[in-house]
Amino acid sequence: MYLLEGLGHEVVVLDGPPGVAPPADLLLLEPASPSCVEHARRARDLQPSLPVICVSILPEDAAFLAFGPIDYLAKPFAIDALREVVRRALDHSHQAA
């Protein structure tokens, strides 16, 4: 079970070659994934206001924020930190709608 499922969210994992992503409320990215940037670009092409959270262990991945994520979550993280960053992103997304 994914942590977000345990928090009551539906999780769809995009792994492998980028394709058309299903509509989503939130995109959680790990820059270490080879296809991460392309998945993000395609998702943002379809949903320009899609909130994005970057999750990484490497401080230099914070530069990924230039792509436009709403938030950054450093690994390792506590489940409460994940819950809070997801709540903020979804709140922001719903306010913008």
Protein backbone atom coordinates (compact mmCIF):
# COMPACT_ATOMS: atom_id res chain seq x y z
CA MET A 1 0.00 0.00 0.00
CA TYR A 2 1.25 3.47 -0.84
CA LEU A 3 1.41 6.03 1.97
CA LEU A 4 -1.07 8.29 0.20
CA GLU A 5 -3.58 5.46 -0.11
CA GLY A 6 -3.36 5.07 3.65
CA LEU A 7 -4.29 8.75 3.89
CA GLY A 8 -7.40 8.18 1.79
CA HIS A 9 -6.09 9.17 -1.65
CA GLU A 10 -6.22 7.19 -4.89
CA VAL A 11 -2.73 6.62 -6.31
CA VAL A 12 -1.79 6.08 -9.95
CA VAL A 13 1.89 5.34 -10.55
CA LEU A 14 3.44 6.61 -13.77
CA ASP A 15 6.57 4.58 -14.35
CA GLY A 16 8.41 3.88 -17.54
CA PRO A 17 8.07 5.70 -20.83
CA PRO A 18 5.83 8.77 -20.63
CA GLY A 19 2.41 8.38 -22.13
CA VAL A 20 -0.85 10.17 -21.63
CA ALA A 21 -1.44 10.51 -17.91
CA PRO A 22 -4.97 10.24 -16.56
CA PRO A 23 -6.48 13.44 -15.12
CA ALA A 24 -5.20 13.99 -11.59
CA ASP A 25 -5.60 16.28 -8.60
CA LEU A 26 -1.89 16.26 -7.78
CA LEU A 27 1.45 15.16 -9.25
CA LEU A 28 4.10 13.88 -6.84
CA LEU A 29 7.49 13.71 -8.57
CA GLU A 30 10.79 12.14 -7.69
CA PRO A 31 13.50 13.73 -9.87
CA ALA A 32 15.70 10.63 -9.57
CA SER A 33 13.23 8.85 -11.86
CA PRO A 34 14.58 8.97 -15.43
CA SER A 35 11.20 9.81 -16.98
CA CYS A 36 10.13 12.27 -14.28
CA VAL A 37 10.55 15.51 -16.22
CA GLU A 38 8.78 14.20 -19.31
CA HIS A 39 5.87 12.86 -17.23
CA ALA A 40 5.60 16.29 -15.59
CA ARG A 41 5.68 18.15 -18.91
CA ARG A 42 2.98 15.97 -20.43
CA ALA A 43 0.77 16.21 -17.36
CA ARG A 44 1.17 20.00 -17.26
CA ASP A 45 0.38 20.23 -21.01
CA LEU A 46 -2.97 18.59 -20.28
CA GLN A 47 -3.57 20.27 -16.91
CA PRO A 48 -1.65 23.57 -16.71
CA SER A 49 -2.75 24.28 -13.12
CA LEU A 50 -1.93 20.78 -11.84
CA PRO A 51 -0.20 21.10 -8.45
CA VAL A 52 3.22 19.45 -8.37
CA ILE A 53 5.25 18.32 -5.36
CA CYS A 54 8.91 17.43 -5.79
CA VAL A 55 10.18 14.71 -3.42
CA SER A 56 13.95 14.24 -3.22
CA ILE A 57 16.89 13.34 -1.06
CA LEU A 58 19.24 15.62 -3.00
CA PRO A 59 19.26 19.34 -2.17
CA GLU A 60 20.28 20.20 -5.74
CA ASP A 61 16.96 18.76 -6.92
CA ALA A 62 15.39 21.83 -5.38
CA ALA A 63 16.35 23.45 -8.70
CA PHE A 64 13.52 21.35 -10.09
CA LEU A 65 11.27 23.92 -8.44
CA ALA A 66 11.92 26.15 -11.46
CA PHE A 67 9.60 23.79 -13.34
CA GLY A 68 6.80 25.11 -11.19
CA PRO A 69 6.06 22.70 -8.34
CA ILE A 70 4.03 24.09 -5.50
CA ASP A 71 6.17 22.44 -2.86
CA TYR A 72 9.32 20.45 -2.12
CA LEU A 73 9.52 17.55 0.34
CA ALA A 74 12.96 16.41 1.46
CA LYS A 75 13.62 12.72 2.07
CA PRO A 76 13.45 11.16 4.52
CA PHE A 77 10.15 12.64 5.61
CA ALA A 78 7.57 11.89 8.28
CA ILE A 79 4.09 10.87 7.18
CA ASP A 80 2.76 14.03 8.85
CA ALA A 81 5.01 16.12 6.57
CA LEU A 82 3.65 14.27 3.52
CA ARG A 83 0.08 14.75 4.71
CA GLU A 84 0.66 18.49 5.21
CA VAL A 85 2.35 19.14 1.86
CA VAL A 86 -0.40 17.23 0.01
CA ARG A 87 -3.11 19.11 1.93
CA ARG A 88 -1.52 22.48 1.06
CA ALA A 89 -1.21 21.57 -2.62
CA LEU A 90 -4.79 20.36 -2.87
CA ASP A 91 -6.10 23.39 -0.94
CA HIS A 92 -4.19 25.69 -3.28
CA SER A 93 -5.50 23.82 -6.31
CA HIS A 94 -9.12 24.02 -5.14
CA GLN A 95 -8.83 27.72 -4.34
CA ALA A 96 -7.46 28.41 -7.82
CA ALA A 97 -10.34 26.55 -9.49
